[in-house]
Amino acid sequence: MAASPPSIVTFAIGDPIDRTDVPALCEQVCSLLAGSGAAVAVCDVAGVAADAVTVDALARLQLAARRHGCRMRLEHPSAELCDLIAFMGLADVLTV
């Protein structure tokens, strides 16, 4: 019998992201992942600002996903966001 593909959970985050929004955003994603059994969480980042707050939020979401036995992948990042992630040394952590 062939192994089934890993389950995927998809969610999107939008602008603007304020530093005070990050804990609630992490709680929402944790609730989404809890009990889902997902191996991959796809985060649609189309339209989010390429700034330090966004990268911080994404890094925290990646950590939350890992705590749920899952890895997070970014979908639709802007070139500017990819450049900032690389500049901040997180390209191996926040993957596309």
PDB file of N, CA and C in Angstrom:
ATOM      1  N   MET A   1       0.845  -1.165   0.000  1.00  0.00           N
ATOM      2  CA  MET A   1       0.000   0.000   0.000  1.00  0.00           C
ATOM      3  C   MET A   1       0.895   1.235   0.000  1.00  0.00           C
ATOM      4  N   ALA A   2       0.575   2.191  -0.832  1.00  0.00           N
ATOM      5  CA  ALA A   2       1.354   3.423  -0.922  1.00  0.00           C
ATOM      6  C   ALA A   2       1.046   4.323   0.267  1.00  0.00           C
ATOM      7  N   ALA A   3       2.074   5.011   0.705  1.00  0.00           N
ATOM      8  CA  ALA A   3       1.885   5.943   1.813  1.00  0.00           C
ATOM      9  C   ALA A   3       1.070   7.139   1.342  1.00  0.00           C
ATOM     10  N   SER A   4       0.194   7.609   2.208  1.00  0.00           N
ATOM     11  CA  SER A   4      -0.607   8.769   1.832  1.00  0.00           C
ATOM     12  C   SER A   4       0.251  10.030   1.942  1.00  0.00           C
ATOM     13  N   PRO A   5      -0.033  11.018   1.097  1.00  0.00           N
ATOM     14  CA  PRO A   5       0.741  12.255   1.160  1.00  0.00           C
ATOM     15  C   PRO A   5       0.492  12.974   2.480  1.00  0.00           C
ATOM     16  N   PRO A   6       1.458  13.765   2.923  1.00  0.00           N
ATOM     17  CA  PRO A   6       1.254  14.479   4.189  1.00  0.00           C
ATOM     18  C   PRO A   6       0.093  15.456   4.087  1.00  0.00           C
ATOM     19  N   SER A   7      -0.619  15.586   5.186  1.00  0.00           N
ATOM     20  CA  SER A   7      -1.738  16.533   5.176  1.00  0.00           C
ATOM     21  C   SER A   7      -1.205  17.959   5.235  1.00  0.00           C
ATOM     22  N   ILE A   8      -1.966  18.860   4.648  1.00  0.00           N
ATOM     23  CA  ILE A   8      -1.559  20.252   4.537  1.00  0.00           C
ATOM     24  C   ILE A   8      -2.660  21.144   5.099  1.00  0.00           C
ATOM     25  N   VAL A   9      -2.252  22.135   5.879  1.00  0.00           N
ATOM     26  CA  VAL A   9      -3.152  23.161   6.373  1.00  0.00           C
ATOM     27  C   VAL A   9      -2.718  24.462   5.713  1.00  0.00           C
ATOM     28  N   THR A  10      -3.672  25.203   5.179  1.00  0.00           N
ATOM     29  CA  THR A  10      -3.371  26.469   4.512  1.00  0.00           C
ATOM     30  C   THR A  10      -4.055  27.608   5.252  1.00  0.00           C
ATOM     31  N   PHE A  11      -3.317  28.687   5.432  1.00  0.00           N
ATOM     32  CA  PHE A  11      -3.881  29.890   6.043  1.00  0.00           C
ATOM     33  C   PHE A  11      -3.199  31.103   5.433  1.00  0.00           C
ATOM     34  N   ALA A  12      -3.786  32.250   5.638  1.00  0.00           N
ATOM     35  CA  ALA A  12      -3.226  33.499   5.105  1.00  0.00           C
ATOM     36  C   ALA A  12      -3.117  34.515   6.230  1.00  0.00           C
ATOM     37  N   ILE A  13      -2.113  35.365   6.097  1.00  0.00           N
ATOM     38  CA  ILE A  13      -2.012  36.497   7.006  1.00  0.00           C
ATOM     39  C   ILE A  13      -2.064  37.763   6.165  1.00  0.00           C
ATOM     40  N   GLY A  14      -2.575  38.812   6.732  1.00  0.00           N
ATOM     41  CA  GLY A  14      -2.736  40.040   5.969  1.00  0.00           C
ATOM     42  C   GLY A  14      -2.151  41.237   6.675  1.00  0.00           C
ATOM     43  N   ASP A  15      -2.116  42.298   5.949  1.00  0.00           N
ATOM     44  CA  ASP A  15      -1.584  43.567   6.435  1.00  0.00           C
ATOM     45  C   ASP A  15      -2.683  44.371   7.105  1.00  0.00           C
ATOM     46  N   PRO A  16      -2.393  45.246   7.955  1.00  0.00           N
ATOM     47  CA  PRO A  16      -1.086  45.445   8.568  1.00  0.00           C
ATOM     48  C   PRO A  16      -0.903  44.513   9.757  1.00  0.00           C
ATOM     49  N   ILE A  17       0.336  44.161  10.030  1.00  0.00           N
ATOM     50  CA  ILE A  17       0.661  43.366  11.215  1.00  0.00           C
ATOM     51  C   ILE A  17       1.387  44.296  12.172  1.00  0.00           C
ATOM     52  N   ASP A  18       0.797  44.483  13.324  1.00  0.00           N
ATOM     53  CA  ASP A  18       1.409  45.287  14.375  1.00  0.00           C
ATOM     54  C   ASP A  18       2.068  44.322  15.364  1.00  0.00           C
ATOM     55  N   ARG A  19       3.100  44.774  16.026  1.00  0.00           N
ATOM     56  CA  ARG A  19       3.791  43.927  16.993  1.00  0.00           C
ATOM     57  C   ARG A  19       2.827  43.353  18.043  1.00  0.00           C
ATOM     58  N   THR A  20       1.827  44.131  18.405  1.00  0.00           N
ATOM     59  CA  THR A  20       0.872  43.662  19.419  1.00  0.00           C
ATOM     60  C   THR A  20      -0.064  42.585  18.880  1.00  0.00           C
ATOM     61  N   ASP A  21      -0.126  42.409  17.552  1.00  0.00           N
ATOM     62  CA  ASP A  21      -0.977  41.396  16.935  1.00  0.00           C
ATOM     63  C   ASP A  21      -0.338  40.011  16.926  1.00  0.00           C
ATOM     64  N   VAL A  22       0.974  39.952  17.100  1.00  0.00           N
ATOM     65  CA  VAL A  22       1.707  38.695  16.914  1.00  0.00           C
ATOM     66  C   VAL A  22       1.266  37.593  17.871  1.00  0.00           C
ATOM     67  N   PRO A  23       1.122  37.839  19.180  1.00  0.00           N
ATOM     68  CA  PRO A  23       0.676  36.753  20.060  1.00  0.00           C
ATOM     69  C   PRO A  23      -0.681  36.165  19.657  1.00  0.00           C
ATOM     70  N   ALA A  24      -1.646  37.010  19.308  1.00  0.00           N
ATOM     71  CA  ALA A  24      -2.969  36.519  18.899  1.00  0.00           C
ATOM     72  C   ALA A  24      -2.872  35.741  17.592  1.00  0.00           C
ATOM     73  N   LEU A  25      -2.033  36.201  16.681  1.00  0.00           N
ATOM     74  CA  LEU A  25      -1.837  35.498  15.418  1.00  0.00           C
ATOM     75  C   LEU A  25      -1.264  34.106  15.670  1.00  0.00           C
ATOM     76  N   CYS A  26      -0.299  34.017  16.561  1.00  0.00           N
ATOM     77  CA  CYS A  26       0.283  32.715  16.908  1.00  0.00           C
ATOM     78  C   CYS A  26      -0.760  31.800  17.547  1.00  0.00           C
ATOM     79  N   GLU A  27      -1.604  32.351  18.416  1.00  0.00           N
ATOM     80  CA  GLU A  27      -2.660  31.556  19.042  1.00  0.00           C
ATOM     81  C   GLU A  27      -3.637  31.017  17.998  1.00  0.00           C
ATOM     82  N   GLN A  28      -3.995  31.852  17.024  1.00  0.00           N
ATOM     83  CA  GLN A  28      -4.911  31.410  15.967  1.00  0.00           C
ATOM     84  C   GLN A  28      -4.306  30.267  15.159  1.00  0.00           C
ATOM     85  N   VAL A  29      -3.037  30.388  14.817  1.00  0.00           N
ATOM     86  CA  VAL A  29      -2.388  29.342  14.030  1.00  0.00           C
ATOM     87  C   VAL A  29      -2.233  28.074  14.865  1.00  0.00           C
ATOM     88  N   CYS A  30      -1.897  28.212  16.140  1.00  0.00           N
ATOM     89  CA  CYS A  30      -1.804  27.033  17.014  1.00  0.00           C
ATOM     90  C   CYS A  30      -3.145  26.318  17.101  1.00  0.00           C
ATOM     91  N   SER A  31      -4.227  27.074  17.204  1.00  0.00           N
ATOM     92  CA  SER A  31      -5.567  26.476  17.247  1.00  0.00           C
ATOM     93  C   SER A  31      -5.874  25.736  15.952  1.00  0.00           C
ATOM     94  N   LEU A  32      -5.453  26.317  14.842  1.00  0.00           N
ATOM     95  CA  LEU A  32      -5.661  25.691  13.541  1.00  0.00           C
ATOM     96  C   LEU A  32      -4.885  24.376  13.426  1.00  0.00           C
ATOM     97  N   LEU A  33      -3.659  24.368  13.945  1.00  0.00           N
ATOM     98  CA  LEU A  33      -2.803  23.192  13.820  1.00  0.00           C
ATOM     99  C   LEU A  33      -3.089  22.117  14.862  1.00  0.00           C
ATOM    100  N   ALA A  34      -3.597  22.513  16.013  1.00  0.00           N
ATOM    101  CA  ALA A  34      -3.844  21.564  17.094  1.00  0.00           C
ATOM    102  C   ALA A  34      -4.783  20.457  16.626  1.00  0.00           C
ATOM    103  N   GLY A  35      -4.319  19.269  16.726  1.00  0.00           N
ATOM    104  CA  GLY A  35      -5.133  18.121  16.351  1.00  0.00           C
ATOM    105  C   GLY A  35      -5.332  17.924  14.870  1.00  0.00           C
ATOM    106  N   SER A  36      -4.734  18.773  14.043  1.00  0.00           N
ATOM    107  CA  SER A  36      -4.929  18.635  12.597  1.00  0.00           C
ATOM    108  C   SER A  36      -4.106  17.486  12.024  1.00  0.00           C
ATOM    109  N   GLY A  37      -2.992  17.174  12.678  1.00  0.00           N
ATOM    110  CA  GLY A  37      -2.108  16.140  12.160  1.00  0.00           C
ATOM    111  C   GLY A  37      -1.369  16.563  10.903  1.00  0.00           C
ATOM    112  N   ALA A  38      -1.437  17.842  10.587  1.00  0.00           N
ATOM    113  CA  ALA A  38      -0.799  18.345   9.364  1.00  0.00           C
ATOM    114  C   ALA A  38       0.719  18.245   9.468  1.00  0.00           C
ATOM    115  N   ALA A  39       1.339  17.894   8.367  1.00  0.00           N
ATOM    116  CA  ALA A  39       2.796  17.860   8.284  1.00  0.00           C
ATOM    117  C   ALA A  39       3.334  19.173   7.735  1.00  0.00           C
ATOM    118  N   VAL A  40       2.480  19.877   6.979  1.00  0.00           N
ATOM    119  CA  VAL A  40       2.884  21.127   6.341  1.00  0.00           C
ATOM    120  C   VAL A  40       1.808  22.174   6.570  1.00  0.00           C
ATOM    121  N   ALA A  41       2.259  23.378   6.931  1.00  0.00           N
ATOM    122  CA  ALA A  41       1.369  24.531   7.041  1.00  0.00           C
ATOM    123  C   ALA A  41       1.803  25.522   5.972  1.00  0.00           C
ATOM    124  N   VAL A  42       0.913  25.819   5.057  1.00  0.00           N
ATOM    125  CA  VAL A  42       1.217  26.764   3.984  1.00  0.00           C
ATOM    126  C   VAL A  42       0.632  28.108   4.379  1.00  0.00           C
ATOM    127  N   CYS A  43       1.508  29.110   4.464  1.00  0.00           N
ATOM    128  CA  CYS A  43       1.108  30.451   4.874  1.00  0.00           C
ATOM    129  C   CYS A  43       1.151  31.379   3.666  1.00  0.00           C
ATOM    130  N   ASP A  44       0.004  31.836   3.237  1.00  0.00           N
ATOM    131  CA  ASP A  44      -0.083  32.761   2.103  1.00  0.00           C
ATOM    132  C   ASP A  44       0.232  34.159   2.605  1.00  0.00           C
ATOM    133  N   VAL A  45       1.312  34.729   2.073  1.00  0.00           N
ATOM    134  CA  VAL A  45       1.765  36.046   2.515  1.00  0.00           C
ATOM    135  C   VAL A  45       1.632  37.092   1.412  1.00  0.00           C
ATOM    136  N   ALA A  46       0.778  36.827   0.446  1.00  0.00           N
ATOM    137  CA  ALA A  46       0.560  37.808  -0.624  1.00  0.00           C
ATOM    138  C   ALA A  46       0.019  39.088  -0.007  1.00  0.00           C
ATOM    139  N   GLY A  47       0.654  40.178  -0.282  1.00  0.00           N
ATOM    140  CA  GLY A  47       0.158  41.457   0.175  1.00  0.00           C
ATOM    141  C   GLY A  47       0.630  41.915   1.541  1.00  0.00           C
ATOM    142  N   VAL A  48       1.417  41.113   2.259  1.00  0.00           N
ATOM    143  CA  VAL A  48       1.926  41.601   3.541  1.00  0.00           C
ATOM    144  C   VAL A  48       3.136  42.489   3.299  1.00  0.00           C
ATOM    145  N   ALA A  49       3.360  43.401   4.212  1.00  0.00           N
ATOM    146  CA  ALA A  49       4.489  44.321   4.099  1.00  0.00           C
ATOM    147  C   ALA A  49       5.803  43.580   4.301  1.00  0.00           C
ATOM    148  N   ALA A  50       6.809  44.029   3.589  1.00  0.00           N
ATOM    149  CA  ALA A  50       8.151  43.488   3.768  1.00  0.00           C
ATOM    150  C   ALA A  50       8.837  44.342   4.827  1.00  0.00           C
ATOM    151  N   ASP A  51       8.581  44.003   6.103  1.00  0.00           N
ATOM    152  CA  ASP A  51       9.195  44.749   7.191  1.00  0.00           C
ATOM    153  C   ASP A  51       9.576  43.796   8.319  1.00  0.00           C
ATOM    154  N   ALA A  52      10.292  44.326   9.291  1.00  0.00           N
ATOM    155  CA  ALA A  52      10.808  43.506  10.378  1.00  0.00           C
ATOM    156  C   ALA A  52       9.695  42.874  11.211  1.00  0.00           C
ATOM    157  N   VAL A  53       8.585  43.563  11.382  1.00  0.00           N
ATOM    158  CA  VAL A  53       7.474  43.010  12.164  1.00  0.00           C
ATOM    159  C   VAL A  53       6.900  41.779  11.461  1.00  0.00           C
ATOM    160  N   THR A  54       6.761  41.849  10.159  1.00  0.00           N
ATOM    161  CA  THR A  54       6.248  40.707   9.398  1.00  0.00           C
ATOM    162  C   THR A  54       7.198  39.517   9.513  1.00  0.00           C
ATOM    163  N   VAL A  55       8.489  39.769   9.357  1.00  0.00           N
ATOM    164  CA  VAL A  55       9.467  38.674   9.452  1.00  0.00           C
ATOM    165  C   VAL A  55       9.469  38.084  10.858  1.00  0.00           C
ATOM    166  N   ASP A  56       9.368  38.925  11.876  1.00  0.00           N
ATOM    167  CA  ASP A  56       9.282  38.437  13.255  1.00  0.00           C
ATOM    168  C   ASP A  56       8.051  37.562  13.430  1.00  0.00           C
ATOM    169  N   ALA A  57       6.903  38.018  12.928  1.00  0.00           N
ATOM    170  CA  ALA A  57       5.671  37.229  13.027  1.00  0.00           C
ATOM    171  C   ALA A  57       5.818  35.891  12.320  1.00  0.00           C
ATOM    172  N   LEU A  58       6.414  35.897  11.137  1.00  0.00           N
ATOM    173  CA  LEU A  58       6.596  34.649  10.387  1.00  0.00           C
ATOM    174  C   LEU A  58       7.538  33.694  11.111  1.00  0.00           C
ATOM    175  N   ALA A  59       8.587  34.218  11.719  1.00  0.00           N
ATOM    176  CA  ALA A  59       9.508  33.365  12.468  1.00  0.00           C
ATOM    177  C   ALA A  59       8.804  32.736  13.670  1.00  0.00           C
ATOM    178  N   ARG A  60       7.976  33.518  14.331  1.00  0.00           N
ATOM    179  CA  ARG A  60       7.218  32.983  15.476  1.00  0.00           C
ATOM    180  C   ARG A  60       6.191  31.947  15.030  1.00  0.00           C
ATOM    181  N   LEU A  61       5.572  32.173  13.882  1.00  0.00           N
ATOM    182  CA  LEU A  61       4.619  31.191  13.349  1.00  0.00           C
ATOM    183  C   LEU A  61       5.333  29.898  12.972  1.00  0.00           C
ATOM    184  N   GLN A  62       6.537  30.019  12.426  1.00  0.00           N
ATOM    185  CA  GLN A  62       7.325  28.826  12.101  1.00  0.00           C
ATOM    186  C   GLN A  62       7.627  28.037  13.374  1.00  0.00           C
ATOM    187  N   LEU A  63       8.000  28.722  14.424  1.00  0.00           N
ATOM    188  CA  LEU A  63       8.268  28.063  15.704  1.00  0.00           C
ATOM    189  C   LEU A  63       7.007  27.382  16.230  1.00  0.00           C
ATOM    190  N   ALA A  64       5.878  28.062  16.142  1.00  0.00           N
ATOM    191  CA  ALA A  64       4.615  27.471  16.591  1.00  0.00           C
ATOM    192  C   ALA A  64       4.281  26.219  15.777  1.00  0.00           C
ATOM    193  N   ALA A  65       4.491  26.288  14.476  1.00  0.00           N
ATOM    194  CA  ALA A  65       4.230  25.126  13.618  1.00  0.00           C
ATOM    195  C   ALA A  65       5.123  23.958  14.017  1.00  0.00           C
ATOM    196  N   ARG A  66       6.386  24.233  14.256  1.00  0.00           N
ATOM    197  CA  ARG A  66       7.316  23.156  14.656  1.00  0.00           C
ATOM    198  C   ARG A  66       6.893  22.524  15.970  1.00  0.00           C
ATOM    199  N   ARG A  67       6.380  23.334  16.870  1.00  0.00           N
ATOM    200  CA  ARG A  67       5.912  22.792  18.155  1.00  0.00           C
ATOM    201  C   ARG A  67       4.724  21.855  17.971  1.00  0.00           C
ATOM    202  N   HIS A  68       4.046  21.979  16.857  1.00  0.00           N
ATOM    203  CA  HIS A  68       2.921  21.094  16.533  1.00  0.00           C
ATOM    204  C   HIS A  68       3.344  20.002  15.554  1.00  0.00           C
ATOM    205  N   GLY A  69       4.653  19.785  15.409  1.00  0.00           N
ATOM    206  CA  GLY A  69       5.163  18.716  14.552  1.00  0.00           C
ATOM    207  C   GLY A  69       4.979  18.981  13.075  1.00  0.00           C
ATOM    208  N   CYS A  70       5.015  20.217  12.693  1.00  0.00           N
ATOM    209  CA  CYS A  70       4.685  20.630  11.344  1.00  0.00           C
ATOM    210  C   CYS A  70       5.760  21.600  10.855  1.00  0.00           C
ATOM    211  N   ARG A  71       5.915  21.721   9.549  1.00  0.00           N
ATOM    212  CA  ARG A  71       6.808  22.746   9.015  1.00  0.00           C
ATOM    213  C   ARG A  71       5.981  23.731   8.215  1.00  0.00           C
ATOM    214  N   MET A  72       6.398  24.979   8.241  1.00  0.00           N
ATOM    215  CA  MET A  72       5.649  26.017   7.555  1.00  0.00           C
ATOM    216  C   MET A  72       6.368  26.412   6.273  1.00  0.00           C
ATOM    217  N   ARG A  73       5.591  26.620   5.238  1.00  0.00           N
ATOM    218  CA  ARG A  73       6.117  27.055   3.944  1.00  0.00           C
ATOM    219  C   ARG A  73       5.364  28.319   3.541  1.00  0.00           C
ATOM    220  N   LEU A  74       6.094  29.301   3.017  1.00  0.00           N
ATOM    221  CA  LEU A  74       5.484  30.543   2.579  1.00  0.00           C
ATOM    222  C   LEU A  74       5.015  30.427   1.141  1.00  0.00           C
ATOM    223  N   GLU A  75       3.870  31.009   0.877  1.00  0.00           N
ATOM    224  CA  GLU A  75       3.314  31.014  -0.471  1.00  0.00           C
ATOM    225  C   GLU A  75       3.061  32.461  -0.891  1.00  0.00           C
ATOM    226  N   HIS A  76       3.436  32.796  -2.109  1.00  0.00           N
ATOM    227  CA  HIS A  76       3.258  34.124  -2.705  1.00  0.00           C
ATOM    228  C   HIS A  76       4.000  35.258  -1.998  1.00  0.00           C
ATOM    229  N   PRO A  77       5.236  35.030  -1.532  1.00  0.00           N
ATOM    230  CA  PRO A  77       5.959  36.150  -0.927  1.00  0.00           C
ATOM    231  C   PRO A  77       6.445  37.116  -2.003  1.00  0.00           C
ATOM    232  N   SER A  78       6.495  38.383  -1.683  1.00  0.00           N
ATOM    233  CA  SER A  78       7.039  39.370  -2.620  1.00  0.00           C
ATOM    234  C   SER A  78       8.560  39.206  -2.667  1.00  0.00           C
ATOM    235  N   ALA A  79       9.157  39.723  -3.720  1.00  0.00           N
ATOM    236  CA  ALA A  79      10.619  39.690  -3.838  1.00  0.00           C
ATOM    237  C   ALA A  79      11.257  40.452  -2.678  1.00  0.00           C
ATOM    238  N   GLU A  80      10.617  41.556  -2.280  1.00  0.00           N
ATOM    239  CA  GLU A  80      11.142  42.356  -1.177  1.00  0.00           C
ATOM    240  C   GLU A  80      11.120  41.574   0.138  1.00  0.00           C
ATOM    241  N   LEU A  81      10.049  40.820   0.366  1.00  0.00           N
ATOM    242  CA  LEU A  81       9.964  40.015   1.580  1.00  0.00           C
ATOM    243  C   LEU A  81      11.028  38.918   1.558  1.00  0.00           C
ATOM    244  N   CYS A  82      11.199  38.262   0.425  1.00  0.00           N
ATOM    245  CA  CYS A  82      12.241  37.228   0.311  1.00  0.00           C
ATOM    246  C   CYS A  82      13.621  37.813   0.570  1.00  0.00           C
ATOM    247  N   ASP A  83      13.881  39.005   0.024  1.00  0.00           N
ATOM    248  CA  ASP A  83      15.174  39.666   0.230  1.00  0.00           C
ATOM    249  C   ASP A  83      15.389  39.998   1.704  1.00  0.00           C
ATOM    250  N   LEU A  84      14.348  40.484   2.375  1.00  0.00           N
ATOM    251  CA  LEU A  84      14.470  40.833   3.789  1.00  0.00           C
ATOM    252  C   LEU A  84      14.688  39.590   4.641  1.00  0.00           C
ATOM    253  N   ILE A  85      13.983  38.530   4.335  1.00  0.00           N
ATOM    254  CA  ILE A  85      14.168  37.265   5.060  1.00  0.00           C
ATOM    255  C   ILE A  85      15.605  36.789   4.909  1.00  0.00           C
ATOM    256  N   ALA A  86      16.140  36.851   3.704  1.00  0.00           N
ATOM    257  CA  ALA A  86      17.529  36.445   3.468  1.00  0.00           C
ATOM    258  C   ALA A  86      18.492  37.371   4.205  1.00  0.00           C
ATOM    259  N   PHE A  87      18.241  38.674   4.141  1.00  0.00           N
ATOM    260  CA  PHE A  87      19.091  39.661   4.807  1.00  0.00           C
ATOM    261  C   PHE A  87      19.138  39.406   6.312  1.00  0.00           C
ATOM    262  N   MET A  88      18.020  38.988   6.880  1.00  0.00           N
ATOM    263  CA  MET A  88      17.935  38.733   8.325  1.00  0.00           C
ATOM    264  C   MET A  88      18.464  37.359   8.690  1.00  0.00           C
ATOM    265  N   GLY A  89      18.944  36.593   7.715  1.00  0.00           N
ATOM    266  CA  GLY A  89      19.535  35.283   7.981  1.00  0.00           C
ATOM    267  C   GLY A  89      18.526  34.185   8.260  1.00  0.00           C
ATOM    268  N   LEU A  90      17.301  34.349   7.769  1.00  0.00           N
ATOM    269  CA  LEU A  90      16.243  33.373   8.058  1.00  0.00           C
ATOM    270  C   LEU A  90      15.784  32.592   6.828  1.00  0.00           C
ATOM    271  N   ALA A  91      16.536  32.659   5.746  1.00  0.00           N
ATOM    272  CA  ALA A  91      16.124  31.974   4.522  1.00  0.00           C
ATOM    273  C   ALA A  91      16.026  30.461   4.684  1.00  0.00           C
ATOM    274  N   ASP A  92      16.827  29.886   5.581  1.00  0.00           N
ATOM    275  CA  ASP A  92      16.752  28.440   5.810  1.00  0.00           C
ATOM    276  C   ASP A  92      15.602  28.072   6.727  1.00  0.00           C
ATOM    277  N   VAL A  93      15.068  29.045   7.439  1.00  0.00           N
ATOM    278  CA  VAL A  93      13.981  28.803   8.388  1.00  0.00           C
ATOM    279  C   VAL A  93      12.628  29.093   7.758  1.00  0.00           C
ATOM    280  N   LEU A  94      12.541  30.212   7.033  1.00  0.00           N
ATOM    281  CA  LEU A  94      11.297  30.617   6.390  1.00  0.00           C
ATOM    282  C   LEU A  94      11.410  30.307   4.902  1.00  0.00           C
ATOM    283  N   THR A  95      10.956  29.134   4.527  1.00  0.00           N
ATOM    284  CA  THR A  95      11.139  28.668   3.153  1.00  0.00           C
ATOM    285  C   THR A  95       9.919  28.917   2.294  1.00  0.00           C
ATOM    286  N   VAL A  96      10.198  29.032   1.000  1.00  0.00           N
ATOM    287  CA  VAL A  96       9.138  29.247   0.018  1.00  0.00           C
ATOM    288  C   VAL A  96       8.801  27.921  -0.625  1.00  0.00           C
TER     289      VAL A  96
END
